[in-house]
Amino acid sequence: MRLGSYRPAYDNGITSPYAHLRQYVVSTTLDREVDPAVTVVGRDPLGLVRALKKEEGGLDIWLCGGGKLAGVLLPELDEMIVKSYPVVAGAGVPVSDGGFDPTVFDVADRTLFDNGVTVTRYIRR
């Protein structure tokens, strides 16, 4: 996750929001010693993901929030899970920040809830 996704927990005294997982925060400003369970990555998140994918069992990596980080990691995204809400806010963060680079994903599964929320799982073609 990037600092923007990590900060809400951190600002409330939670330094390890996903304690059951290996956690990486991409930031050039966060203290590297924030928590023993959190690795702060100052640069090259794409290289980090590529190295993690080479580890045994390295295909169970989750990106938590962040269109900017998703844009950087797009070459390595195999799957996306997107929640959609029936609300138009008029502004927001893109799903993937960066230049125009169409990347095709297929719908693998979609769940519609009674309140209109959908959760769609996409797999890279």
N, C-alpha and C. Protein backbone atom coordinates (compact mmCIF):
# COMPACT_ATOMS: atom_id res chain seq x y z
N MET A 1 0.84 -1.18 0.00
CA MET A 1 0.00 0.00 0.00
C MET A 1 0.88 1.24 0.00
N ARG A 2 0.30 2.32 -0.48
CA ARG A 2 1.03 3.58 -0.38
C ARG A 2 0.69 4.23 0.95
N LEU A 3 1.38 5.29 1.26
CA LEU A 3 1.18 5.98 2.53
C LEU A 3 -0.26 6.47 2.69
N GLY A 4 -0.90 6.89 1.59
CA GLY A 4 -2.27 7.37 1.67
C GLY A 4 -3.25 6.31 2.16
N SER A 5 -2.99 5.06 1.83
CA SER A 5 -3.84 3.96 2.31
C SER A 5 -3.47 3.55 3.73
N TYR A 6 -2.21 3.72 4.08
CA TYR A 6 -1.71 3.33 5.40
C TYR A 6 -2.03 4.38 6.47
N ARG A 7 -2.03 5.65 6.07
CA ARG A 7 -2.12 6.75 7.02
C ARG A 7 -3.36 6.73 7.92
N PRO A 8 -4.57 6.41 7.44
CA PRO A 8 -5.72 6.42 8.36
C PRO A 8 -5.52 5.51 9.58
N ALA A 9 -4.97 4.34 9.38
CA ALA A 9 -4.70 3.45 10.51
C ALA A 9 -3.57 4.02 11.37
N TYR A 10 -2.50 4.43 10.72
CA TYR A 10 -1.32 4.97 11.41
C TYR A 10 -1.68 6.17 12.28
N ASP A 11 -2.49 7.06 11.75
CA ASP A 11 -2.89 8.26 12.49
C ASP A 11 -3.75 7.93 13.71
N ASN A 12 -4.30 6.72 13.74
CA ASN A 12 -5.10 6.28 14.88
C ASN A 12 -4.35 5.28 15.76
N GLY A 13 -3.03 5.26 15.63
CA GLY A 13 -2.19 4.44 16.49
C GLY A 13 -2.07 2.99 16.06
N ILE A 14 -2.58 2.65 14.89
CA ILE A 14 -2.48 1.28 14.39
C ILE A 14 -1.34 1.24 13.39
N THR A 15 -0.21 0.69 13.80
CA THR A 15 0.96 0.68 12.92
C THR A 15 1.05 -0.59 12.09
N SER A 16 0.24 -1.60 12.42
CA SER A 16 0.24 -2.86 11.67
C SER A 16 -1.20 -3.25 11.37
N PRO A 17 -1.83 -2.59 10.37
CA PRO A 17 -3.26 -2.81 10.13
C PRO A 17 -3.62 -4.18 9.59
N TYR A 18 -2.67 -4.87 9.01
CA TYR A 18 -2.91 -6.22 8.47
C TYR A 18 -1.91 -7.18 9.11
N ALA A 19 -1.98 -7.30 10.42
CA ALA A 19 -0.98 -8.05 11.19
C ALA A 19 -0.86 -9.51 10.75
N HIS A 20 -1.88 -10.05 10.12
CA HIS A 20 -1.84 -11.44 9.67
C HIS A 20 -1.14 -11.59 8.31
N LEU A 21 -0.68 -10.48 7.73
CA LEU A 21 -0.04 -10.49 6.42
C LEU A 21 1.34 -9.84 6.49
N ARG A 22 2.20 -10.16 5.51
CA ARG A 22 3.43 -9.37 5.33
C ARG A 22 2.98 -8.04 4.74
N GLN A 23 3.44 -6.95 5.33
CA GLN A 23 2.96 -5.63 4.92
C GLN A 23 4.11 -4.78 4.39
N TYR A 24 3.82 -4.10 3.28
CA TYR A 24 4.78 -3.19 2.66
C TYR A 24 4.08 -1.86 2.45
N VAL A 25 4.74 -0.77 2.84
CA VAL A 25 4.20 0.57 2.61
C VAL A 25 5.20 1.30 1.73
N VAL A 26 4.74 1.79 0.59
CA VAL A 26 5.59 2.53 -0.33
C VAL A 26 5.55 4.00 0.08
N SER A 27 6.69 4.51 0.55
CA SER A 27 6.76 5.89 1.01
C SER A 27 8.22 6.32 1.10
N THR A 28 8.46 7.57 0.74
CA THR A 28 9.80 8.13 0.90
C THR A 28 9.89 8.98 2.16
N THR A 29 8.77 9.18 2.86
CA THR A 29 8.76 10.04 4.04
C THR A 29 8.49 9.31 5.35
N LEU A 30 7.91 8.12 5.30
CA LEU A 30 7.57 7.38 6.51
C LEU A 30 8.82 6.80 7.15
N ASP A 31 8.90 6.86 8.48
CA ASP A 31 10.01 6.29 9.24
C ASP A 31 10.12 4.79 8.94
N ARG A 32 11.28 4.34 8.57
CA ARG A 32 11.48 2.93 8.21
C ARG A 32 11.27 1.98 9.40
N GLU A 33 11.32 2.50 10.60
CA GLU A 33 11.17 1.68 11.80
C GLU A 33 9.77 1.83 12.39
N VAL A 34 8.76 2.07 11.57
CA VAL A 34 7.41 2.34 12.05
C VAL A 34 6.84 1.16 12.84
N ASP A 35 7.14 -0.06 12.43
CA ASP A 35 6.64 -1.26 13.10
C ASP A 35 7.45 -2.44 12.58
N PRO A 36 7.83 -3.38 13.45
CA PRO A 36 8.61 -4.54 12.98
C PRO A 36 7.88 -5.38 11.92
N ALA A 37 6.55 -5.32 11.89
CA ALA A 37 5.77 -6.12 10.94
C ALA A 37 5.54 -5.41 9.62
N VAL A 38 6.05 -4.18 9.49
CA VAL A 38 5.83 -3.37 8.29
C VAL A 38 7.17 -3.04 7.65
N THR A 39 7.30 -3.33 6.37
CA THR A 39 8.50 -2.95 5.62
C THR A 39 8.18 -1.71 4.81
N VAL A 40 8.94 -0.65 5.03
CA VAL A 40 8.76 0.60 4.29
C VAL A 40 9.65 0.52 3.05
N VAL A 41 9.05 0.72 1.89
CA VAL A 41 9.74 0.64 0.61
C VAL A 41 9.89 2.06 0.07
N GLY A 42 11.14 2.52 -0.03
CA GLY A 42 11.37 3.88 -0.47
C GLY A 42 11.34 4.08 -1.97
N ARG A 43 11.62 3.03 -2.73
CA ARG A 43 11.63 3.16 -4.18
C ARG A 43 11.45 1.79 -4.83
N ASP A 44 11.15 1.79 -6.09
CA ASP A 44 11.00 0.62 -6.94
C ASP A 44 9.97 -0.40 -6.45
N PRO A 45 8.72 0.02 -6.26
CA PRO A 45 7.70 -0.95 -5.86
C PRO A 45 7.47 -2.02 -6.92
N LEU A 46 7.69 -1.69 -8.19
CA LEU A 46 7.53 -2.68 -9.25
C LEU A 46 8.57 -3.80 -9.09
N GLY A 47 9.79 -3.42 -8.78
CA GLY A 47 10.84 -4.41 -8.53
C GLY A 47 10.52 -5.27 -7.32
N LEU A 48 9.95 -4.66 -6.29
CA LEU A 48 9.55 -5.42 -5.10
C LEU A 48 8.51 -6.47 -5.46
N VAL A 49 7.48 -6.08 -6.21
CA VAL A 49 6.42 -7.03 -6.57
C VAL A 49 6.98 -8.15 -7.44
N ARG A 50 7.84 -7.80 -8.35
CA ARG A 50 8.44 -8.85 -9.20
C ARG A 50 9.25 -9.84 -8.36
N ALA A 51 9.98 -9.34 -7.36
CA ALA A 51 10.74 -10.22 -6.47
C ALA A 51 9.80 -11.08 -5.63
N LEU A 52 8.73 -10.50 -5.12
CA LEU A 52 7.77 -11.26 -4.31
C LEU A 52 7.10 -12.36 -5.13
N LYS A 53 6.80 -12.07 -6.39
CA LYS A 53 6.15 -13.06 -7.24
C LYS A 53 7.06 -14.25 -7.53
N LYS A 54 8.37 -14.07 -7.42
CA LYS A 54 9.31 -15.16 -7.64
C LYS A 54 9.46 -16.06 -6.42
N GLU A 55 9.01 -15.58 -5.25
CA GLU A 55 9.08 -16.40 -4.05
C GLU A 55 8.08 -17.54 -4.13
N GLU A 56 8.33 -18.60 -3.37
CA GLU A 56 7.38 -19.71 -3.30
C GLU A 56 6.05 -19.18 -2.79
N GLY A 57 4.97 -19.48 -3.52
CA GLY A 57 3.65 -18.99 -3.14
C GLY A 57 3.46 -17.51 -3.44
N GLY A 58 4.30 -16.95 -4.30
CA GLY A 58 4.31 -15.52 -4.56
C GLY A 58 3.20 -14.99 -5.43
N LEU A 59 2.14 -15.72 -5.61
CA LEU A 59 1.04 -15.23 -6.43
C LEU A 59 -0.15 -14.77 -5.61
N ASP A 60 0.00 -14.66 -4.30
CA ASP A 60 -1.08 -14.21 -3.44
C ASP A 60 -0.70 -12.87 -2.84
N ILE A 61 -0.53 -11.88 -3.70
CA ILE A 61 -0.11 -10.53 -3.30
C ILE A 61 -1.30 -9.60 -3.51
N TRP A 62 -1.59 -8.79 -2.51
CA TRP A 62 -2.72 -7.86 -2.58
C TRP A 62 -2.23 -6.43 -2.57
N LEU A 63 -2.82 -5.61 -3.40
CA LEU A 63 -2.60 -4.16 -3.40
C LEU A 63 -3.77 -3.55 -2.67
N CYS A 64 -3.49 -2.81 -1.62
CA CYS A 64 -4.55 -2.20 -0.83
C CYS A 64 -4.69 -0.74 -1.22
N GLY A 65 -5.74 -0.44 -1.99
CA GLY A 65 -6.02 0.95 -2.35
C GLY A 65 -4.94 1.58 -3.21
N GLY A 66 -5.21 2.77 -3.69
CA GLY A 66 -4.21 3.56 -4.35
C GLY A 66 -4.10 3.43 -5.85
N GLY A 67 -4.75 4.34 -6.58
CA GLY A 67 -4.67 4.37 -8.03
C GLY A 67 -3.28 4.68 -8.54
N LYS A 68 -2.54 5.50 -7.80
CA LYS A 68 -1.18 5.84 -8.24
C LYS A 68 -0.28 4.61 -8.19
N LEU A 69 -0.36 3.87 -7.08
CA LEU A 69 0.45 2.66 -6.97
C LEU A 69 -0.03 1.60 -7.97
N ALA A 70 -1.33 1.50 -8.17
CA ALA A 70 -1.86 0.55 -9.15
C ALA A 70 -1.32 0.87 -10.54
N GLY A 71 -1.20 2.15 -10.86
CA GLY A 71 -0.64 2.54 -12.16
C GLY A 71 0.80 2.10 -12.33
N VAL A 72 1.59 2.23 -11.27
CA VAL A 72 2.99 1.81 -11.31
C VAL A 72 3.08 0.29 -11.44
N LEU A 73 2.18 -0.42 -10.75
CA LEU A 73 2.23 -1.88 -10.71
C LEU A 73 1.43 -2.56 -11.82
N LEU A 74 0.78 -1.78 -12.68
CA LEU A 74 -0.08 -2.35 -13.72
C LEU A 74 0.58 -3.47 -14.52
N PRO A 75 1.86 -3.37 -14.87
CA PRO A 75 2.46 -4.48 -15.64
C PRO A 75 2.45 -5.82 -14.90
N GLU A 76 2.30 -5.80 -13.57
CA GLU A 76 2.32 -7.03 -12.79
C GLU A 76 0.95 -7.40 -12.21
N LEU A 77 -0.08 -6.60 -12.48
CA LEU A 77 -1.41 -6.93 -11.96
C LEU A 77 -2.01 -8.07 -12.77
N ASP A 78 -2.31 -9.17 -12.10
CA ASP A 78 -2.91 -10.33 -12.74
C ASP A 78 -4.42 -10.34 -12.57
N GLU A 79 -4.87 -9.69 -11.53
CA GLU A 79 -6.28 -9.74 -11.16
C GLU A 79 -6.64 -8.46 -10.41
N MET A 80 -7.87 -8.02 -10.56
CA MET A 80 -8.36 -6.86 -9.82
C MET A 80 -9.72 -7.19 -9.22
N ILE A 81 -9.95 -6.72 -8.01
CA ILE A 81 -11.27 -6.81 -7.39
C ILE A 81 -11.72 -5.38 -7.16
N VAL A 82 -12.82 -5.02 -7.81
CA VAL A 82 -13.30 -3.64 -7.78
C VAL A 82 -14.69 -3.60 -7.17
N LYS A 83 -14.84 -2.76 -6.14
CA LYS A 83 -16.16 -2.52 -5.54
C LYS A 83 -16.73 -1.26 -6.18
N SER A 84 -17.99 -1.32 -6.57
CA SER A 84 -18.66 -0.15 -7.16
C SER A 84 -19.90 0.17 -6.32
N TYR A 85 -20.08 1.44 -6.06
CA TYR A 85 -21.19 1.91 -5.25
C TYR A 85 -22.13 2.74 -6.12
N PRO A 86 -23.43 2.67 -5.89
CA PRO A 86 -24.38 3.41 -6.71
C PRO A 86 -24.48 4.88 -6.29
N VAL A 87 -23.33 5.56 -6.30
CA VAL A 87 -23.25 6.97 -5.90
C VAL A 87 -22.31 7.67 -6.87
N VAL A 88 -22.68 8.84 -7.33
CA VAL A 88 -21.80 9.65 -8.16
C VAL A 88 -21.32 10.81 -7.29
N ALA A 89 -20.01 10.86 -7.05
CA ALA A 89 -19.44 11.87 -6.18
C ALA A 89 -18.91 13.07 -6.97
N GLY A 90 -18.62 12.88 -8.24
CA GLY A 90 -18.14 13.98 -9.07
C GLY A 90 -16.64 14.14 -9.12
N ALA A 91 -15.91 13.45 -8.26
CA ALA A 91 -14.45 13.53 -8.27
C ALA A 91 -13.92 12.28 -7.60
N GLY A 92 -12.65 12.02 -7.78
CA GLY A 92 -12.08 10.85 -7.12
C GLY A 92 -10.73 10.49 -7.68
N VAL A 93 -10.21 9.39 -7.19
CA VAL A 93 -8.90 8.90 -7.60
C VAL A 93 -9.11 7.87 -8.70
N PRO A 94 -8.36 7.95 -9.80
CA PRO A 94 -8.50 6.94 -10.85
C PRO A 94 -8.13 5.55 -10.34
N VAL A 95 -8.70 4.53 -10.94
CA VAL A 95 -8.36 3.16 -10.58
C VAL A 95 -6.88 2.91 -10.85
N SER A 96 -6.37 3.48 -11.94
CA SER A 96 -4.98 3.33 -12.29
C SER A 96 -4.47 4.66 -12.83
N ASP A 97 -3.54 5.25 -12.11
CA ASP A 97 -2.98 6.53 -12.51
C ASP A 97 -1.80 6.28 -13.44
N GLY A 98 -1.66 7.11 -14.45
CA GLY A 98 -0.55 6.96 -15.38
C GLY A 98 -0.99 7.31 -16.78
N GLY A 99 -0.13 7.04 -17.73
CA GLY A 99 -0.43 7.34 -19.12
C GLY A 99 -1.44 6.39 -19.71
N PHE A 100 -1.92 6.74 -20.90
CA PHE A 100 -2.90 5.91 -21.61
C PHE A 100 -2.22 4.64 -22.08
N ASP A 101 -2.63 3.52 -21.51
CA ASP A 101 -2.02 2.23 -21.82
C ASP A 101 -3.08 1.15 -21.61
N PRO A 102 -3.98 0.95 -22.59
CA PRO A 102 -5.06 -0.03 -22.42
C PRO A 102 -4.52 -1.41 -22.05
N THR A 103 -5.07 -1.95 -20.98
CA THR A 103 -4.72 -3.29 -20.50
C THR A 103 -6.03 -4.04 -20.36
N VAL A 104 -6.16 -5.16 -21.05
CA VAL A 104 -7.44 -5.87 -21.11
C VAL A 104 -7.56 -6.88 -19.97
N PHE A 105 -8.68 -6.79 -19.28
CA PHE A 105 -9.05 -7.74 -18.24
C PHE A 105 -10.42 -8.30 -18.59
N ASP A 106 -10.68 -9.54 -18.22
CA ASP A 106 -11.99 -10.17 -18.41
C ASP A 106 -12.69 -10.28 -17.07
N VAL A 107 -14.01 -10.16 -17.08
CA VAL A 107 -14.80 -10.35 -15.87
C VAL A 107 -14.80 -11.84 -15.52
N ALA A 108 -14.35 -12.17 -14.32
CA ALA A 108 -14.33 -13.56 -13.86
C ALA A 108 -15.50 -13.85 -12.94
N ASP A 109 -15.95 -12.81 -12.23
CA ASP A 109 -17.04 -13.01 -11.28
C ASP A 109 -17.61 -11.64 -10.91
N ARG A 110 -18.90 -11.59 -10.68
CA ARG A 110 -19.53 -10.33 -10.26
C ARG A 110 -20.64 -10.66 -9.26
N THR A 111 -20.65 -9.94 -8.15
CA THR A 111 -21.68 -10.11 -7.14
C THR A 111 -22.41 -8.79 -6.96
N LEU A 112 -23.73 -8.84 -7.03
CA LEU A 112 -24.57 -7.66 -6.82
C LEU A 112 -25.26 -7.82 -5.47
N PHE A 113 -25.14 -6.81 -4.63
CA PHE A 113 -25.77 -6.83 -3.32
C PHE A 113 -27.08 -6.05 -3.35
N ASP A 114 -27.96 -6.32 -2.39
CA ASP A 114 -29.28 -5.68 -2.33
C ASP A 114 -29.21 -4.15 -2.30
N ASN A 115 -28.14 -3.60 -1.75
CA ASN A 115 -28.00 -2.14 -1.66
C ASN A 115 -27.44 -1.51 -2.93
N GLY A 116 -27.24 -2.32 -3.98
CA GLY A 116 -26.75 -1.81 -5.25
C GLY A 116 -25.25 -1.88 -5.43
N VAL A 117 -24.52 -2.23 -4.40
CA VAL A 117 -23.07 -2.36 -4.48
C VAL A 117 -22.73 -3.61 -5.30
N THR A 118 -21.73 -3.49 -6.17
CA THR A 118 -21.24 -4.65 -6.90
C THR A 118 -19.77 -4.87 -6.57
N VAL A 119 -19.37 -6.12 -6.55
CA VAL A 119 -17.97 -6.50 -6.40
C VAL A 119 -17.65 -7.34 -7.62
N THR A 120 -16.70 -6.85 -8.41
CA THR A 120 -16.35 -7.52 -9.66
C THR A 120 -14.89 -7.95 -9.60
N ARG A 121 -14.65 -9.20 -9.98
CA ARG A 121 -13.28 -9.72 -10.05
C ARG A 121 -12.90 -9.82 -11.52
N TYR A 122 -11.82 -9.16 -11.87
CA TYR A 122 -11.29 -9.13 -13.22
C TYR A 122 -9.97 -9.90 -13.28
N ILE A 123 -9.74 -10.63 -14.38
CA ILE A 123 -8.50 -11.35 -14.58
C ILE A 123 -7.85 -10.86 -15.87
N ARG A 124 -6.55 -10.62 -15.79
CA ARG A 124 -5.82 -10.15 -16.99
C ARG A 124 -5.93 -11.18 -18.09
N ARG A 125 -6.22 -10.70 -19.27
CA ARG A 125 -6.33 -11.56 -20.44
C ARG A 125 -5.01 -12.08 -20.88
